[in-house]
Amino acid sequence: MRPATLPLSVRLRSNLIQVPAFACVTIFFGTLALLASYFEKKDKPGRLQHRVAHLWARASMACSASRVQVLGVENIPAETAVYAATHTSYMDTPVVFSSLPIQFRILAKKELWGIPFIGWYLNRSGQIPIDTANPRTTLSSFSKGVHTLRAGLNVFVFPEGGRTPDRKLKPLLNGAAFLALRAQVPLVPIALIGVYDLLPIHTRHVYPDPDGKPIKLIFGPPIPTTGRSPREAEALTAELREALQKLLDAHS
């Protein structure tokens, strides 16, 4: 667990080495992803850029001096699915992109599209922006997500809608459940352990575990949706939250 006050050596290493390195890595791979977008196959848009994002994520994790242990890979379904993960830190995204062994598109807040390099990648690689303040735009985003799933691509969601301020699981939004029900695909819970301490909310200091313990990404058993109605989104969301909490309790 992160101490109340980080040692000076940790803060200096973070400010002078790790954060600048992360920025350089993001600029480099963001530019590479932009260039790769011009070489994408028309029938498989975003796949080449996804590979670049995977390399960016692995380089980002190297900058953080942390490694990721993936558990529960046997729970990854053979068919297309919606993947829903806990959200604890800005580093969740590199952890996910470096560790998920599948092609996927993310459903994320539209504000990210305004960030240089990251936003360029999101815009040109077929990711799905969502504006939670505008119901009409939200509905359109969900329709795009369903289309993506039916086209055979997985969709990744942070169903809490934002990072947790205290490690505890926040109430979930119904979007992930609604997508899975509309597309009639499984809903796969994912718990992220240790990422909060690596880069907590409202801080800029990267703090890898001093004992070298890995961050954990754990896949839970998929929740089937076949035959269920979109009107059951709230009930499915409750099942998802229970599944996520069980993973957190079992592995924290």
C-alpha atoms as a PDB file:
ATOM      1  CA  MET A   1       0.000   0.000   0.000  1.00  0.00           C
ATOM      2  CA  ARG A   2       1.230   3.508  -0.819  1.00  0.00           C
ATOM      3  CA  PRO A   3       2.616   5.372   2.242  1.00  0.00           C
ATOM      4  CA  ALA A   4       1.048   8.697   3.222  1.00  0.00           C
ATOM      5  CA  THR A   5       4.155  10.595   2.092  1.00  0.00           C
ATOM      6  CA  LEU A   6       6.321   9.221  -0.684  1.00  0.00           C
ATOM      7  CA  PRO A   7      10.101   9.190  -0.162  1.00  0.00           C
ATOM      8  CA  LEU A   8      11.954  12.020  -1.865  1.00  0.00           C
ATOM      9  CA  SER A   9      13.848   9.521  -4.032  1.00  0.00           C
ATOM     10  CA  VAL A  10      10.557   8.136  -5.366  1.00  0.00           C
ATOM     11  CA  ARG A  11       9.211  11.596  -6.178  1.00  0.00           C
ATOM     12  CA  LEU A  12      12.418  12.627  -7.930  1.00  0.00           C
ATOM     13  CA  ARG A  13      12.542   9.405  -9.944  1.00  0.00           C
ATOM     14  CA  SER A  14       8.913   9.862 -10.948  1.00  0.00           C
ATOM     15  CA  ASN A  15       9.192  13.543 -11.866  1.00  0.00           C
ATOM     16  CA  LEU A  16      12.582  13.434 -13.571  1.00  0.00           C
ATOM     17  CA  ILE A  17      12.588  10.022 -15.225  1.00  0.00           C
ATOM     18  CA  GLN A  18       9.320   8.070 -15.328  1.00  0.00           C
ATOM     19  CA  VAL A  19       6.800  10.801 -16.191  1.00  0.00           C
ATOM     20  CA  PRO A  20       8.992  12.347 -18.950  1.00  0.00           C
ATOM     21  CA  ALA A  21       9.688   8.852 -20.307  1.00  0.00           C
ATOM     22  CA  PHE A  22       5.960   8.092 -20.363  1.00  0.00           C
ATOM     23  CA  ALA A  23       5.312  11.363 -22.223  1.00  0.00           C
ATOM     24  CA  CYS A  24       7.979  10.542 -24.822  1.00  0.00           C
ATOM     25  CA  VAL A  25       6.621   7.022 -25.278  1.00  0.00           C
ATOM     26  CA  THR A  26       3.097   8.397 -25.752  1.00  0.00           C
ATOM     27  CA  ILE A  27       4.223  10.973 -28.314  1.00  0.00           C
ATOM     28  CA  PHE A  28       6.267   8.403 -30.247  1.00  0.00           C
ATOM     29  CA  PHE A  29       3.624   5.682 -30.402  1.00  0.00           C
ATOM     30  CA  GLY A  30       0.807   8.206 -30.877  1.00  0.00           C
ATOM     31  CA  THR A  31       2.589   9.484 -33.973  1.00  0.00           C
ATOM     32  CA  LEU A  32       3.263   5.908 -35.117  1.00  0.00           C
ATOM     33  CA  ALA A  33      -0.421   5.014 -34.676  1.00  0.00           C
ATOM     34  CA  LEU A  34      -1.410   8.067 -36.715  1.00  0.00           C
ATOM     35  CA  LEU A  35       0.903   6.968 -39.536  1.00  0.00           C
ATOM     36  CA  ALA A  36      -0.326   3.365 -39.252  1.00  0.00           C
ATOM     37  CA  SER A  37      -3.893   4.556 -39.744  1.00  0.00           C
ATOM     38  CA  TYR A  38      -3.086   5.306 -43.398  1.00  0.00           C
ATOM     39  CA  PHE A  39      -2.102   1.678 -43.991  1.00  0.00           C
ATOM     40  CA  GLU A  40      -5.147   0.017 -42.424  1.00  0.00           C
ATOM     41  CA  LYS A  41      -7.107  -2.496 -44.481  1.00  0.00           C
ATOM     42  CA  LYS A  42     -10.561  -1.157 -45.294  1.00  0.00           C
ATOM     43  CA  ASP A  43     -12.220  -4.367 -44.155  1.00  0.00           C
ATOM     44  CA  LYS A  44     -10.231  -4.440 -40.869  1.00  0.00           C
ATOM     45  CA  PRO A  45      -9.933  -0.820 -39.683  1.00  0.00           C
ATOM     46  CA  GLY A  46      -8.028  -0.161 -36.482  1.00  0.00           C
ATOM     47  CA  ARG A  47      -6.282  -3.528 -36.219  1.00  0.00           C
ATOM     48  CA  LEU A  48      -2.827  -2.243 -37.093  1.00  0.00           C
ATOM     49  CA  GLN A  49      -3.269   0.703 -34.747  1.00  0.00           C
ATOM     50  CA  HIS A  50      -4.332  -1.680 -31.988  1.00  0.00           C
ATOM     51  CA  ARG A  51      -0.975  -3.437 -32.321  1.00  0.00           C
ATOM     52  CA  VAL A  52       0.759  -0.081 -31.971  1.00  0.00           C
ATOM     53  CA  ALA A  53      -1.337   0.630 -28.867  1.00  0.00           C
ATOM     54  CA  HIS A  54      -0.227  -2.707 -27.438  1.00  0.00           C
ATOM     55  CA  LEU A  55       3.421  -1.720 -27.924  1.00  0.00           C
ATOM     56  CA  TRP A  56       2.724   1.705 -26.364  1.00  0.00           C
ATOM     57  CA  ALA A  57       1.143   0.032 -23.355  1.00  0.00           C
ATOM     58  CA  ARG A  58       4.039  -2.365 -22.846  1.00  0.00           C
ATOM     59  CA  ALA A  59       6.531   0.494 -23.109  1.00  0.00           C
ATOM     60  CA  SER A  60       4.431   2.522 -20.646  1.00  0.00           C
ATOM     61  CA  MET A  61       4.452  -0.318 -18.144  1.00  0.00           C
ATOM     62  CA  ALA A  62       8.226  -0.561 -18.544  1.00  0.00           C
ATOM     63  CA  CYS A  63       8.448   3.166 -17.734  1.00  0.00           C
ATOM     64  CA  SER A  64       6.434   2.538 -14.576  1.00  0.00           C
ATOM     65  CA  ALA A  65       8.847  -0.246 -13.507  1.00  0.00           C
ATOM     66  CA  SER A  66       5.886  -2.554 -12.946  1.00  0.00           C
ATOM     67  CA  ARG A  67       4.922  -5.894 -14.405  1.00  0.00           C
ATOM     68  CA  VAL A  68       1.459  -7.337 -14.932  1.00  0.00           C
ATOM     69  CA  GLN A  69       0.322 -10.813 -13.911  1.00  0.00           C
ATOM     70  CA  VAL A  70      -2.692 -12.020 -15.900  1.00  0.00           C
ATOM     71  CA  LEU A  71      -4.974 -14.552 -14.202  1.00  0.00           C
ATOM     72  CA  GLY A  72      -8.121 -16.337 -15.355  1.00  0.00           C
ATOM     73  CA  VAL A  73      -7.311 -16.438 -19.085  1.00  0.00           C
ATOM     74  CA  GLU A  74      -9.369 -19.628 -19.258  1.00  0.00           C
ATOM     75  CA  ASN A  75     -12.421 -17.392 -18.714  1.00  0.00           C
ATOM     76  CA  ILE A  76     -11.906 -15.537 -21.999  1.00  0.00           C
ATOM     77  CA  PRO A  77     -14.774 -16.699 -24.233  1.00  0.00           C
ATOM     78  CA  ALA A  78     -14.124 -17.883 -27.765  1.00  0.00           C
ATOM     79  CA  GLU A  79     -16.854 -15.623 -29.100  1.00  0.00           C
ATOM     80  CA  THR A  80     -17.100 -11.831 -29.155  1.00  0.00           C
ATOM     81  CA  ALA A  81     -17.796 -10.294 -25.740  1.00  0.00           C
ATOM     82  CA  VAL A  82     -18.072  -7.121 -23.690  1.00  0.00           C
ATOM     83  CA  TYR A  83     -15.217  -6.785 -21.186  1.00  0.00           C
ATOM     84  CA  ALA A  84     -15.902  -4.664 -18.101  1.00  0.00           C
ATOM     85  CA  ALA A  85     -13.084  -3.703 -15.711  1.00  0.00           C
ATOM     86  CA  THR A  86     -12.689  -1.875 -12.439  1.00  0.00           C
ATOM     87  CA  HIS A  87     -11.285   1.648 -12.821  1.00  0.00           C
ATOM     88  CA  THR A  88      -8.691   2.758 -10.286  1.00  0.00           C
ATOM     89  CA  SER A  89      -6.054   4.827 -12.085  1.00  0.00           C
ATOM     90  CA  TYR A  90      -4.941   6.471 -15.319  1.00  0.00           C
ATOM     91  CA  MET A  91      -2.530   3.526 -15.582  1.00  0.00           C
ATOM     92  CA  ASP A  92      -5.473   1.139 -16.005  1.00  0.00           C
ATOM     93  CA  THR A  93      -5.436   1.796 -19.749  1.00  0.00           C
ATOM     94  CA  PRO A  94      -1.783   0.750 -20.303  1.00  0.00           C
ATOM     95  CA  VAL A  95      -2.375  -2.284 -18.082  1.00  0.00           C
ATOM     96  CA  VAL A  96      -5.383  -3.334 -20.165  1.00  0.00           C
ATOM     97  CA  PHE A  97      -3.841  -2.657 -23.588  1.00  0.00           C
ATOM     98  CA  SER A  98      -0.645  -4.485 -22.618  1.00  0.00           C
ATOM     99  CA  SER A  99      -2.424  -7.555 -21.235  1.00  0.00           C
ATOM    100  CA  LEU A 100      -5.656  -8.356 -23.090  1.00  0.00           C
ATOM    101  CA  PRO A 101      -4.747 -11.007 -25.715  1.00  0.00           C
ATOM    102  CA  ILE A 102      -7.589  -9.971 -28.025  1.00  0.00           C
ATOM    103  CA  GLN A 103      -8.546  -7.231 -30.455  1.00  0.00           C
ATOM    104  CA  PHE A 104     -11.011  -4.817 -28.867  1.00  0.00           C
ATOM    105  CA  ARG A 105     -12.430  -1.314 -29.081  1.00  0.00           C
ATOM    106  CA  ILE A 106     -13.024   0.856 -26.029  1.00  0.00           C
ATOM    107  CA  LEU A 107     -16.093   2.807 -24.963  1.00  0.00           C
ATOM    108  CA  ALA A 108     -14.698   5.914 -23.252  1.00  0.00           C
ATOM    109  CA  LYS A 109     -15.517   9.487 -22.277  1.00  0.00           C
ATOM    110  CA  LYS A 110     -15.447  11.870 -25.231  1.00  0.00           C
ATOM    111  CA  GLU A 111     -13.107  14.229 -23.321  1.00  0.00           C
ATOM    112  CA  LEU A 112     -10.221  11.857 -24.088  1.00  0.00           C
ATOM    113  CA  TRP A 113     -10.613  12.623 -27.790  1.00  0.00           C
ATOM    114  CA  GLY A 114      -9.306  16.152 -27.126  1.00  0.00           C
ATOM    115  CA  ILE A 115      -5.928  14.973 -25.770  1.00  0.00           C
ATOM    116  CA  PRO A 116      -3.106  15.246 -28.353  1.00  0.00           C
ATOM    117  CA  PHE A 117      -1.721  11.930 -29.628  1.00  0.00           C
ATOM    118  CA  ILE A 118      -4.067   9.853 -27.431  1.00  0.00           C
ATOM    119  CA  GLY A 119      -7.102  11.534 -28.963  1.00  0.00           C
ATOM    120  CA  TRP A 120      -5.702  11.111 -32.459  1.00  0.00           C
ATOM    121  CA  TYR A 121      -5.355   7.374 -31.884  1.00  0.00           C
ATOM    122  CA  LEU A 122      -8.860   7.104 -30.437  1.00  0.00           C
ATOM    123  CA  ASN A 123     -10.394   9.000 -33.331  1.00  0.00           C
ATOM    124  CA  ARG A 124      -8.692   7.133 -36.167  1.00  0.00           C
ATOM    125  CA  SER A 125      -8.772   3.607 -34.738  1.00  0.00           C
ATOM    126  CA  GLY A 126     -12.524   3.150 -34.379  1.00  0.00           C
ATOM    127  CA  GLN A 127     -12.847   3.665 -30.620  1.00  0.00           C
ATOM    128  CA  ILE A 128     -16.265   4.714 -29.325  1.00  0.00           C
ATOM    129  CA  PRO A 129     -16.716   8.111 -27.601  1.00  0.00           C
ATOM    130  CA  ILE A 130     -19.555   8.542 -25.145  1.00  0.00           C
ATOM    131  CA  ASP A 131     -21.017  11.783 -23.793  1.00  0.00           C
ATOM    132  CA  THR A 132     -22.844  10.852 -20.592  1.00  0.00           C
ATOM    133  CA  ALA A 133     -24.275  14.375 -20.326  1.00  0.00           C
ATOM    134  CA  ASN A 134     -26.161  14.061 -23.630  1.00  0.00           C
ATOM    135  CA  PRO A 135     -28.731  11.214 -23.746  1.00  0.00           C
ATOM    136  CA  ARG A 136     -29.045  11.362 -27.556  1.00  0.00           C
ATOM    137  CA  THR A 137     -25.284  11.100 -28.060  1.00  0.00           C
ATOM    138  CA  THR A 138     -25.107   8.330 -25.473  1.00  0.00           C
ATOM    139  CA  LEU A 139     -27.739   6.313 -27.324  1.00  0.00           C
ATOM    140  CA  SER A 140     -25.853   6.820 -30.603  1.00  0.00           C
ATOM    141  CA  SER A 141     -22.636   5.627 -28.940  1.00  0.00           C
ATOM    142  CA  PHE A 142     -24.352   2.494 -27.677  1.00  0.00           C
ATOM    143  CA  SER A 143     -25.651   1.799 -31.175  1.00  0.00           C
ATOM    144  CA  LYS A 144     -22.106   2.066 -32.523  1.00  0.00           C
ATOM    145  CA  GLY A 145     -20.932  -0.270 -29.764  1.00  0.00           C
ATOM    146  CA  VAL A 146     -23.560  -2.858 -30.662  1.00  0.00           C
ATOM    147  CA  HIS A 147     -22.579  -2.585 -34.334  1.00  0.00           C
ATOM    148  CA  THR A 148     -18.931  -3.141 -33.368  1.00  0.00           C
ATOM    149  CA  LEU A 149     -19.855  -6.284 -31.400  1.00  0.00           C
ATOM    150  CA  ARG A 150     -22.014  -7.663 -34.199  1.00  0.00           C
ATOM    151  CA  ALA A 151     -19.129  -7.064 -36.611  1.00  0.00           C
ATOM    152  CA  GLY A 152     -17.073  -9.490 -34.520  1.00  0.00           C
ATOM    153  CA  LEU A 153     -14.975  -7.069 -32.453  1.00  0.00           C
ATOM    154  CA  ASN A 154     -14.867  -7.105 -28.656  1.00  0.00           C
ATOM    155  CA  VAL A 155     -15.762  -3.959 -26.711  1.00  0.00           C
ATOM    156  CA  PHE A 156     -14.030  -2.863 -23.503  1.00  0.00           C
ATOM    157  CA  VAL A 157     -15.756  -0.664 -20.877  1.00  0.00           C
ATOM    158  CA  PHE A 158     -14.964   0.863 -17.485  1.00  0.00           C
ATOM    159  CA  PRO A 159     -18.524   0.563 -16.097  1.00  0.00           C
ATOM    160  CA  GLU A 160     -17.853   2.749 -13.033  1.00  0.00           C
ATOM    161  CA  GLY A 161     -17.648   5.734 -15.379  1.00  0.00           C
ATOM    162  CA  GLY A 162     -14.615   7.170 -13.575  1.00  0.00           C
ATOM    163  CA  ARG A 163     -11.708   6.324 -11.283  1.00  0.00           C
ATOM    164  CA  THR A 164     -12.328   5.312  -7.705  1.00  0.00           C
ATOM    165  CA  PRO A 165     -11.020   7.825  -5.126  1.00  0.00           C
ATOM    166  CA  ASP A 166     -10.529   5.232  -2.368  1.00  0.00           C
ATOM    167  CA  ARG A 167      -9.923   1.785  -3.949  1.00  0.00           C
ATOM    168  CA  LYS A 168     -13.554   0.801  -3.303  1.00  0.00           C
ATOM    169  CA  LEU A 169     -15.779  -0.295  -6.171  1.00  0.00           C
ATOM    170  CA  LYS A 170     -18.101   2.528  -7.216  1.00  0.00           C
ATOM    171  CA  PRO A 171     -21.715   2.089  -8.380  1.00  0.00           C
ATOM    172  CA  LEU A 172     -21.797   0.831 -11.967  1.00  0.00           C
ATOM    173  CA  LEU A 173     -23.481   2.413 -14.961  1.00  0.00           C
ATOM    174  CA  ASN A 174     -25.732   0.177 -17.061  1.00  0.00           C
ATOM    175  CA  GLY A 175     -23.881   0.734 -20.359  1.00  0.00           C
ATOM    176  CA  ALA A 176     -21.782  -2.449 -20.382  1.00  0.00           C
ATOM    177  CA  ALA A 177     -24.790  -4.612 -19.526  1.00  0.00           C
ATOM    178  CA  PHE A 178     -26.960  -2.862 -22.114  1.00  0.00           C
ATOM    179  CA  LEU A 179     -24.370  -3.454 -24.856  1.00  0.00           C
ATOM    180  CA  ALA A 180     -23.997  -7.131 -23.968  1.00  0.00           C
ATOM    181  CA  LEU A 181     -27.762  -7.658 -23.894  1.00  0.00           C
ATOM    182  CA  ARG A 182     -28.414  -5.819 -27.161  1.00  0.00           C
ATOM    183  CA  ALA A 183     -25.692  -7.771 -28.972  1.00  0.00           C
ATOM    184  CA  GLN A 184     -26.463 -11.025 -27.110  1.00  0.00           C
ATOM    185  CA  VAL A 185     -22.801 -11.572 -26.191  1.00  0.00           C
ATOM    186  CA  PRO A 186     -21.198 -12.570 -22.869  1.00  0.00           C
ATOM    187  CA  LEU A 187     -20.210  -9.961 -20.288  1.00  0.00           C
ATOM    188  CA  VAL A 188     -16.748 -10.619 -18.850  1.00  0.00           C
ATOM    189  CA  PRO A 189     -15.755  -9.039 -15.498  1.00  0.00           C
ATOM    190  CA  ILE A 190     -12.134  -7.927 -15.037  1.00  0.00           C
ATOM    191  CA  ALA A 191     -10.568  -6.888 -11.732  1.00  0.00           C
ATOM    192  CA  LEU A 192      -7.423  -4.744 -11.658  1.00  0.00           C
ATOM    193  CA  ILE A 193      -5.362  -5.113  -8.497  1.00  0.00           C
ATOM    194  CA  GLY A 194      -2.488  -2.824  -7.492  1.00  0.00           C
ATOM    195  CA  VAL A 195      -2.939  -0.136 -10.130  1.00  0.00           C
ATOM    196  CA  TYR A 196      -4.424   2.307  -7.617  1.00  0.00           C
ATOM    197  CA  ASP A 197      -1.172   2.353  -5.652  1.00  0.00           C
ATOM    198  CA  LEU A 198       0.891   2.707  -8.828  1.00  0.00           C
ATOM    199  CA  LEU A 199      -0.781   6.009  -9.720  1.00  0.00           C
ATOM    200  CA  PRO A 200      -3.711   7.008  -7.461  1.00  0.00           C
ATOM    201  CA  ILE A 201      -6.296   9.598  -8.445  1.00  0.00           C
ATOM    202  CA  HIS A 202      -5.210  13.247  -8.052  1.00  0.00           C
ATOM    203  CA  THR A 203      -1.476  12.514  -8.049  1.00  0.00           C
ATOM    204  CA  ARG A 204       1.338  12.602 -10.595  1.00  0.00           C
ATOM    205  CA  HIS A 205       3.853  10.339  -8.865  1.00  0.00           C
ATOM    206  CA  VAL A 206       4.386   6.814 -10.187  1.00  0.00           C
ATOM    207  CA  TYR A 207       5.050   4.423  -7.322  1.00  0.00           C
ATOM    208  CA  PRO A 208       5.770   0.796  -8.250  1.00  0.00           C
ATOM    209  CA  ASP A 209       5.479  -1.746  -5.455  1.00  0.00           C
ATOM    210  CA  PRO A 210       8.708  -1.538  -3.394  1.00  0.00           C
ATOM    211  CA  ASP A 211       8.708  -5.332  -2.966  1.00  0.00           C
ATOM    212  CA  GLY A 212       8.336  -5.938  -6.694  1.00  0.00           C
ATOM    213  CA  LYS A 213       4.843  -7.412  -6.431  1.00  0.00           C
ATOM    214  CA  PRO A 214       3.105  -7.467  -9.822  1.00  0.00           C
ATOM    215  CA  ILE A 215      -0.084  -5.700 -10.759  1.00  0.00           C
ATOM    216  CA  LYS A 216      -2.833  -8.224 -11.340  1.00  0.00           C
ATOM    217  CA  LEU A 217      -5.416  -8.356 -14.114  1.00  0.00           C
ATOM    218  CA  ILE A 218      -7.980 -11.065 -13.374  1.00  0.00           C
ATOM    219  CA  PHE A 219     -10.650 -12.334 -15.776  1.00  0.00           C
ATOM    220  CA  GLY A 220     -13.780 -13.622 -14.074  1.00  0.00           C
ATOM    221  CA  PRO A 221     -16.178 -16.192 -15.553  1.00  0.00           C
ATOM    222  CA  PRO A 222     -18.266 -14.681 -18.384  1.00  0.00           C
ATOM    223  CA  ILE A 223     -21.879 -13.841 -17.607  1.00  0.00           C
ATOM    224  CA  PRO A 224     -24.141 -15.179 -20.401  1.00  0.00           C
ATOM    225  CA  THR A 225     -26.827 -12.957 -21.918  1.00  0.00           C
ATOM    226  CA  THR A 226     -28.408 -15.232 -24.522  1.00  0.00           C
ATOM    227  CA  GLY A 227     -32.181 -14.963 -24.418  1.00  0.00           C
ATOM    228  CA  ARG A 228     -32.184 -12.029 -22.012  1.00  0.00           C
ATOM    229  CA  SER A 229     -33.831  -8.688 -22.797  1.00  0.00           C
ATOM    230  CA  PRO A 230     -32.188  -5.229 -22.731  1.00  0.00           C
ATOM    231  CA  ARG A 231     -34.802  -4.409 -20.088  1.00  0.00           C
ATOM    232  CA  GLU A 232     -32.740  -6.601 -17.761  1.00  0.00           C
ATOM    233  CA  ALA A 233     -29.764  -4.227 -17.955  1.00  0.00           C
ATOM    234  CA  GLU A 234     -30.118  -3.127 -14.342  1.00  0.00           C
ATOM    235  CA  ALA A 235     -30.256  -6.701 -13.062  1.00  0.00           C
ATOM    236  CA  LEU A 236     -27.267  -7.692 -15.215  1.00  0.00           C
ATOM    237  CA  THR A 237     -25.351  -4.681 -13.915  1.00  0.00           C
ATOM    238  CA  ALA A 238     -25.995  -5.892 -10.373  1.00  0.00           C
ATOM    239  CA  GLU A 239     -24.646  -9.339 -11.346  1.00  0.00           C
ATOM    240  CA  LEU A 240     -21.575  -7.700 -12.865  1.00  0.00           C
ATOM    241  CA  ARG A 241     -20.914  -5.642  -9.731  1.00  0.00           C
ATOM    242  CA  GLU A 242     -21.204  -8.732  -7.554  1.00  0.00           C
ATOM    243  CA  ALA A 243     -18.778 -10.607  -9.813  1.00  0.00           C
ATOM    244  CA  LEU A 244     -16.263  -7.739  -9.748  1.00  0.00           C
ATOM    245  CA  GLN A 245     -16.484  -7.449  -5.959  1.00  0.00           C
ATOM    246  CA  LYS A 246     -15.858 -11.194  -5.572  1.00  0.00           C
ATOM    247  CA  LEU A 247     -12.736 -10.928  -7.725  1.00  0.00           C
ATOM    248  CA  LEU A 248     -11.493  -7.972  -5.688  1.00  0.00           C
ATOM    249  CA  ASP A 249     -12.154  -9.729  -2.388  1.00  0.00           C
ATOM    250  CA  ALA A 250     -10.465 -12.928  -3.566  1.00  0.00           C
ATOM    251  CA  HIS A 251      -7.287 -11.304  -4.921  1.00  0.00           C
ATOM    252  CA  SER A 252      -6.719  -8.065  -2.994  1.00  0.00           C
END
